Amino acid sequence: MQLNIISGKEQSPLFDGIHRNLSASYSDPRVPCTSIKFSNQNIKFRIDECIRGNDLYIFQPLYPNLDERLIELFIMIDSAKHASVGRITVIVPYFPYVRSDKKDDSRISISARLMADLIQTAGADRVMTMHLHSPQVQGFFRIPVDHLYPGRYICEILRQGEVSEDHVVVAPDMGATKMASYYAEKLNSSLAIINKKRIDDTENPHIQCVIGDVRGKNCILVDDETLSGKSLAKAAEKLLEEGAKHVDAFVVHGVFSEDAAKVLNDSPITQIYTTNTITRNEFPLPDRLHVIDVSMLFSQAVECTHTNKSMKELFQRTDI
């Protein structure tokens, strides 16, 4: 099957990087498409070249403009099905509603399961994403899910900075402990955990204590995503109260909504690192932000899928 890749209306440097990487091995795999939004808010999506029998990869960032991009994704998949494509792999770098993976309140939706059902029903044969907040969301699908981790890139940056014995990897909450422990093990660093509690659906967590020794050490906060930045800012303040020297933060998905830039600029965090899974145009970005390009990881995953090669090495969280 011939390899093709398409994207919706949302512009993304990550898609440009994937296309550039794949073009080195495949003769311009990108297929031109037309996406039109009418005055009644209906969307028309047309694939402008024949893709019959091909191996198609649909790249669709679902943030910002989640609702519109989600509907566009379903229409893109359906358009490909009606174009008699051979196989459809949906690439969603930042998976939506991934925190809604269980019923933890009365009369609510398990929305992550709903997203999985909708993508499968639309006609996807495979899904590719990066660092789910709840890895068990993979179990909501009855089609293969390629769950990629950017750990190798984060560890490489930390090693370039010569991680010393006085560094400690910090999980910003109990849920991030497993992820943080991988980084600590790979970097031969100690591990600390912040005991954080949320009493409602607001983004104002209450930090109770720090588990582990951070006094006199350089702290590395690692998390899967940050929205308002308040959790990271409060975690950094608590670590400094406990005697830490300084704090850096690494987050996979940098949403940085609304006042996040101001919150993080006013925080004691020295440097902030995130990947380019999200294109942030509507709100200002933190001043001390560094963006890590993960397009090569997605490109390698696409090539492995297309050529039926093992992805075992790509699934490793921190191996370089």
Protein backbone atom coordinates (compact mmCIF):
# COMPACT_ATOMS: atom_id res chain seq x y z
CA MET A 1 0.00 0.00 0.00
CA GLN A 2 1.14 3.52 -0.72
CA LEU A 3 1.65 5.77 2.32
CA ASN A 4 -0.42 8.96 2.48
CA ILE A 5 -0.86 11.55 5.22
CA ILE A 6 -3.46 14.30 5.55
CA SER A 7 -4.41 16.92 8.11
CA GLY A 8 -7.45 19.06 8.85
CA LYS A 9 -7.81 22.81 8.89
CA GLU A 10 -5.83 23.37 12.12
CA GLN A 11 -2.20 24.29 11.38
CA SER A 12 0.43 22.36 13.35
CA PRO A 13 4.25 22.53 13.35
CA LEU A 14 4.19 18.92 14.55
CA PHE A 15 2.38 17.83 11.36
CA ASP A 16 4.85 19.83 9.26
CA GLY A 17 7.71 18.02 10.99
CA ILE A 18 6.16 14.58 10.45
CA HIS A 19 5.55 15.36 6.79
CA ARG A 20 9.11 16.62 6.37
CA ASN A 21 10.58 13.50 8.01
CA LEU A 22 8.44 11.09 5.96
CA SER A 23 9.21 12.95 2.72
CA ALA A 24 12.86 11.88 3.11
CA SER A 25 11.82 8.24 2.57
CA TYR A 26 8.56 8.57 0.65
CA SER A 27 7.85 10.78 -2.34
CA ASP A 28 5.75 13.60 -0.85
CA PRO A 29 3.18 11.49 1.04
CA ARG A 30 0.94 14.47 1.80
CA VAL A 31 -2.39 14.48 -0.05
CA PRO A 32 -4.03 17.87 -0.71
CA CYS A 33 -7.41 18.33 0.94
CA THR A 34 -10.07 21.02 1.14
CA SER A 35 -11.90 21.84 4.36
CA ILE A 36 -14.76 24.36 4.20
CA LYS A 37 -16.90 25.66 7.04
CA PHE A 38 -20.23 27.05 5.86
CA SER A 39 -22.21 29.88 7.47
CA ASN A 40 -24.45 27.31 9.16
CA GLN A 41 -21.28 25.86 10.79
CA ASN A 42 -21.47 22.65 8.75
CA ILE A 43 -18.11 21.31 7.53
CA LYS A 44 -17.33 19.93 4.09
CA PHE A 45 -14.09 17.97 3.76
CA ARG A 46 -12.81 16.72 0.42
CA ILE A 47 -9.71 14.64 -0.35
CA ASP A 48 -8.43 16.12 -3.59
CA GLU A 49 -6.54 13.09 -4.96
CA CYS A 50 -7.22 9.38 -5.36
CA ILE A 51 -6.25 7.34 -2.27
CA ARG A 52 -7.98 4.08 -3.20
CA GLY A 53 -6.33 1.13 -1.45
CA ASN A 54 -3.66 3.30 0.24
CA ASP A 55 -2.34 3.36 3.81
CA LEU A 56 -3.72 6.66 5.14
CA TYR A 57 -2.62 8.56 8.26
CA ILE A 58 -5.01 11.28 9.42
CA PHE A 59 -3.28 13.81 11.65
CA GLN A 60 -5.71 15.90 13.69
CA PRO A 61 -4.81 18.14 16.66
CA LEU A 62 -7.89 18.36 18.88
CA TYR A 63 -6.83 21.39 20.89
CA PRO A 64 -7.61 24.23 20.59
CA ASN A 65 -11.14 24.33 19.10
CA LEU A 66 -11.90 20.80 20.33
CA ASP A 67 -15.56 20.55 19.31
CA GLU A 68 -15.03 21.72 15.73
CA ARG A 69 -11.83 19.72 15.22
CA LEU A 70 -13.50 16.58 16.60
CA ILE A 71 -16.39 16.81 14.14
CA GLU A 72 -13.92 17.52 11.36
CA LEU A 73 -11.99 14.38 12.33
CA PHE A 74 -15.10 12.20 12.05
CA ILE A 75 -15.87 13.70 8.64
CA MET A 76 -12.25 13.17 7.52
CA ILE A 77 -12.41 9.50 8.50
CA ASP A 78 -15.75 9.03 6.76
CA SER A 79 -14.46 10.79 3.63
CA ALA A 80 -11.52 8.38 3.53
CA LYS A 81 -13.83 5.39 3.95
CA HIS A 82 -15.96 6.56 1.02
CA ALA A 83 -12.76 7.04 -0.98
CA SER A 84 -12.06 3.29 -0.58
CA VAL A 85 -8.81 3.76 1.33
CA GLY A 86 -7.02 0.60 2.43
CA ARG A 87 -6.35 1.43 6.10
CA ILE A 88 -6.94 4.47 8.31
CA THR A 89 -4.65 5.39 11.22
CA VAL A 90 -5.75 8.42 13.23
CA ILE A 91 -2.94 10.45 14.83
CA VAL A 92 -4.24 12.45 17.80
CA PRO A 93 -1.21 13.82 19.70
CA TYR A 94 -3.25 15.10 22.67
CA PHE A 95 -6.21 12.80 23.28
CA PRO A 96 -9.44 14.54 24.43
CA TYR A 97 -11.35 13.85 27.66
CA VAL A 98 -8.59 11.50 28.79
CA ARG A 99 -9.12 12.47 32.45
CA SER A 100 -12.76 11.28 32.25
CA ASP A 101 -11.82 7.60 32.42
CA LYS A 102 -14.13 6.53 35.27
CA LYS A 103 -17.41 7.37 36.95
CA ASP A 104 -16.30 9.25 40.05
CA ASP A 105 -19.50 11.27 40.50
CA SER A 106 -23.22 10.71 40.09
CA ARG A 107 -24.86 10.88 36.67
CA ILE A 108 -21.76 11.73 34.61
CA SER A 109 -20.33 10.40 31.37
CA ILE A 110 -17.19 8.30 31.05
CA SER A 111 -16.22 10.62 28.22
CA ALA A 112 -12.90 8.98 27.32
CA ARG A 113 -14.79 5.78 26.48
CA LEU A 114 -17.25 7.83 24.41
CA MET A 115 -14.36 9.36 22.41
CA ALA A 116 -12.98 5.88 21.73
CA ASP A 117 -16.39 4.65 20.57
CA LEU A 118 -16.90 7.63 18.26
CA ILE A 119 -13.49 7.31 16.60
CA GLN A 120 -13.99 3.58 16.02
CA THR A 121 -17.55 4.03 14.77
CA ALA A 122 -16.39 6.69 12.31
CA GLY A 123 -14.17 4.03 10.74
CA ALA A 124 -10.61 4.30 12.12
CA ASP A 125 -8.53 1.10 11.99
CA ARG A 126 -5.80 2.30 14.36
CA VAL A 127 -5.07 5.20 16.73
CA MET A 128 -1.72 6.82 17.51
CA THR A 129 -1.35 9.20 20.45
CA MET A 130 1.16 10.43 23.02
CA HIS A 131 1.25 10.00 26.78
CA LEU A 132 -2.30 9.46 27.93
CA HIS A 133 -3.07 10.88 31.38
CA SER A 134 -4.74 7.54 32.09
CA PRO A 135 -3.00 4.73 30.14
CA GLN A 136 -5.98 2.43 30.75
CA VAL A 137 -7.91 4.47 28.18
CA GLN A 138 -6.22 2.19 25.62
CA GLY A 139 -8.55 -0.52 26.89
CA PHE A 140 -11.59 1.45 25.72
CA PHE A 141 -10.61 0.70 22.12
CA ARG A 142 -11.14 -2.54 20.21
CA ILE A 143 -8.63 -1.43 17.60
CA PRO A 144 -4.83 -1.12 18.06
CA VAL A 145 -3.59 1.95 19.96
CA ASP A 146 0.02 3.11 19.66
CA HIS A 147 0.80 4.90 22.93
CA LEU A 148 4.04 6.87 22.50
CA TYR A 149 6.22 8.38 25.22
CA PRO A 150 8.62 11.35 24.86
CA GLY A 151 10.83 10.21 27.73
CA ARG A 152 13.93 9.73 25.60
CA TYR A 153 13.88 13.38 24.55
CA ILE A 154 13.35 14.64 28.10
CA CYS A 155 16.13 12.44 29.47
CA GLU A 156 18.47 13.57 26.70
CA ILE A 157 17.91 17.23 27.65
CA LEU A 158 18.48 16.48 31.32
CA ARG A 159 21.66 14.53 30.57
CA GLN A 160 22.98 17.36 28.43
CA GLY A 161 22.60 19.49 31.53
CA GLU A 162 24.73 16.93 33.38
CA VAL A 163 22.27 15.67 35.96
CA SER A 164 24.19 15.53 39.22
CA GLU A 165 23.69 13.70 42.47
CA ASP A 166 21.88 16.66 44.02
CA HIS A 167 18.96 16.35 41.56
CA VAL A 168 15.66 14.81 42.57
CA VAL A 169 12.76 13.93 40.26
CA VAL A 170 9.45 15.06 41.71
CA ALA A 171 5.97 13.73 40.95
CA PRO A 172 3.48 16.64 41.34
CA ASP A 173 0.80 14.24 42.63
CA MET A 174 0.30 10.58 43.50
CA GLY A 175 -1.00 9.80 40.01
CA ALA A 176 2.30 10.85 38.43
CA THR A 177 4.43 8.66 40.71
CA LYS A 178 4.87 5.79 38.25
CA MET A 179 5.93 8.12 35.46
CA ALA A 180 8.33 10.05 37.69
CA SER A 181 9.88 6.83 38.98
CA TYR A 182 10.90 5.88 35.41
CA TYR A 183 12.73 9.18 34.99
CA ALA A 184 14.37 8.86 38.40
CA GLU A 185 15.57 5.35 37.61
CA LYS A 186 16.94 6.27 34.18
CA LEU A 187 18.66 9.39 35.48
CA ASN A 188 19.93 7.63 38.61
CA SER A 189 18.20 10.27 40.73
CA SER A 190 16.16 10.10 43.90
CA LEU A 191 12.37 10.47 43.85
CA ALA A 192 10.03 12.74 45.76
CA ILE A 193 6.22 12.93 45.67
CA ILE A 194 3.92 15.85 46.37
CA ASN A 195 0.77 14.85 48.21
CA LYS A 196 -1.86 16.97 46.45
CA LYS A 197 -5.61 16.96 46.91
CA ARG A 198 -8.39 18.40 44.75
CA ILE A 199 -11.65 19.05 46.56
CA ASP A 200 -13.64 20.11 43.47
CA ASP A 201 -13.40 20.51 39.67
CA THR A 202 -11.49 23.79 39.85
CA GLU A 203 -7.78 23.99 39.04
CA ASN A 204 -6.84 25.08 42.57
CA PRO A 205 -5.22 22.07 44.26
CA HIS A 206 -4.38 21.89 47.93
CA ILE A 207 -0.83 20.68 48.60
CA GLN A 208 -0.56 18.84 51.89
CA CYS A 209 3.07 17.76 52.09
CA VAL A 210 6.20 16.58 50.23
CA ILE A 211 7.16 12.93 50.58
CA GLY A 212 10.92 12.56 50.20
CA ASP A 213 14.04 14.63 50.80
CA VAL A 214 14.40 17.74 48.64
CA ARG A 215 16.45 19.95 50.96
CA GLY A 216 19.46 21.42 49.18
CA LYS A 217 18.58 19.68 45.91
CA ASN A 218 17.65 20.73 42.38
CA CYS A 219 14.10 19.52 41.72
CA ILE A 220 12.76 18.27 38.36
CA LEU A 221 8.95 18.34 38.29
CA VAL A 222 7.54 15.95 35.67
CA ASP A 223 3.88 15.77 34.62
CA ASP A 224 1.81 14.70 31.65
CA GLU A 225 0.06 18.05 31.14
CA THR A 226 -0.50 21.50 32.56
CA LEU A 227 -3.57 23.67 31.98
CA SER A 228 -3.65 26.74 34.20
CA GLY A 229 -0.13 26.20 35.57
CA LYS A 230 -1.39 26.54 39.15
CA SER A 231 -0.45 23.00 40.16
CA LEU A 232 3.12 23.44 38.94
CA ALA A 233 3.45 26.87 40.54
CA LYS A 234 2.16 25.70 43.92
CA ALA A 235 4.32 22.58 43.76
CA ALA A 236 7.43 24.68 43.09
CA GLU A 237 6.60 27.00 45.99
CA LYS A 238 6.16 24.03 48.33
CA LEU A 239 9.46 22.50 47.23
CA LEU A 240 11.33 25.73 47.94
CA GLU A 241 9.63 25.93 51.33
CA GLU A 242 11.04 22.47 52.01
CA GLY A 243 14.56 23.73 51.23
CA ALA A 244 15.03 22.91 47.53
CA LYS A 245 17.65 24.95 45.61
CA HIS A 246 15.62 25.51 42.45
CA VAL A 247 12.87 23.87 40.39
CA ASP A 248 12.57 23.01 36.68
CA ALA A 249 9.39 21.57 35.13
CA PHE A 250 8.84 19.10 32.28
CA VAL A 251 5.30 18.55 30.96
CA VAL A 252 4.36 16.49 27.92
CA HIS A 253 1.27 18.46 26.86
CA GLY A 254 1.49 22.20 27.47
CA VAL A 255 -2.08 23.45 27.21
CA PHE A 256 -1.28 26.80 28.90
CA SER A 257 -4.85 28.07 28.96
CA GLU A 258 -6.00 31.56 29.89
CA ASP A 259 -3.70 33.04 32.57
CA ALA A 260 -1.20 30.17 32.63
CA ALA A 261 1.62 32.34 31.26
CA LYS A 262 1.23 34.89 34.07
CA VAL A 263 0.90 32.18 36.72
CA LEU A 264 4.08 30.45 35.57
CA ASN A 265 6.01 33.67 34.97
CA ASP A 266 5.26 34.69 38.56
CA SER A 267 6.22 31.25 39.88
CA PRO A 268 9.69 30.29 41.13
CA ILE A 269 10.12 27.70 38.35
CA THR A 270 13.47 28.28 36.60
CA GLN A 271 12.83 26.59 33.25
CA ILE A 272 9.74 24.97 31.72
CA TYR A 273 9.91 22.30 29.01
CA THR A 274 7.07 20.87 26.92
CA THR A 275 6.59 19.05 23.62
CA ASN A 276 4.96 20.38 20.45
CA THR A 277 1.88 18.12 20.66
CA ILE A 278 -0.19 21.28 21.07
CA THR A 279 -0.03 24.47 19.01
CA ARG A 280 -0.75 27.36 21.34
CA ASN A 281 -1.83 30.52 19.53
CA GLU A 282 -4.77 31.96 21.47
CA PHE A 283 -2.99 32.69 24.76
CA PRO A 284 0.52 34.01 25.56
CA LEU A 285 3.20 31.49 26.49
CA PRO A 286 5.44 31.46 29.57
CA ASP A 287 8.68 33.40 29.17
CA ARG A 288 10.96 30.55 30.24
CA LEU A 289 9.40 27.94 27.95
CA HIS A 290 11.40 25.50 25.81
CA VAL A 291 9.58 23.38 23.21
CA ILE A 292 10.78 19.83 22.44
CA ASP A 293 10.08 18.58 18.91
CA VAL A 294 8.65 15.03 18.92
CA SER A 295 7.90 14.83 15.19
CA MET A 296 10.64 12.23 14.64
CA LEU A 297 9.05 9.88 17.18
CA PHE A 298 5.67 10.08 15.41
CA SER A 299 7.39 9.70 12.02
CA GLN A 300 9.16 6.54 13.19
CA ALA A 301 5.87 5.16 14.51
CA VAL A 302 4.18 5.84 11.16
CA GLU A 303 6.99 4.15 9.26
CA CYS A 304 6.93 1.11 11.57
CA THR A 305 3.17 0.77 11.11
CA HIS A 306 3.40 1.16 7.35
CA THR A 307 6.21 -1.40 6.97
CA ASN A 308 4.85 -3.79 9.64
CA LYS A 309 7.95 -3.45 11.83
CA SER A 310 8.03 -3.77 15.61
CA MET A 311 7.49 -0.62 17.68
CA LYS A 312 8.92 -2.07 20.87
CA GLU A 313 11.78 0.44 21.08
CA LEU A 314 9.45 3.38 20.44
CA PHE A 315 7.21 2.39 23.34
CA GLN A 316 10.07 2.63 25.85
CA ARG A 317 9.41 5.53 28.19
CA THR A 318 12.96 6.70 28.79
CA ASP A 319 15.39 4.68 26.69
CA ILE A 320 17.52 6.81 24.39
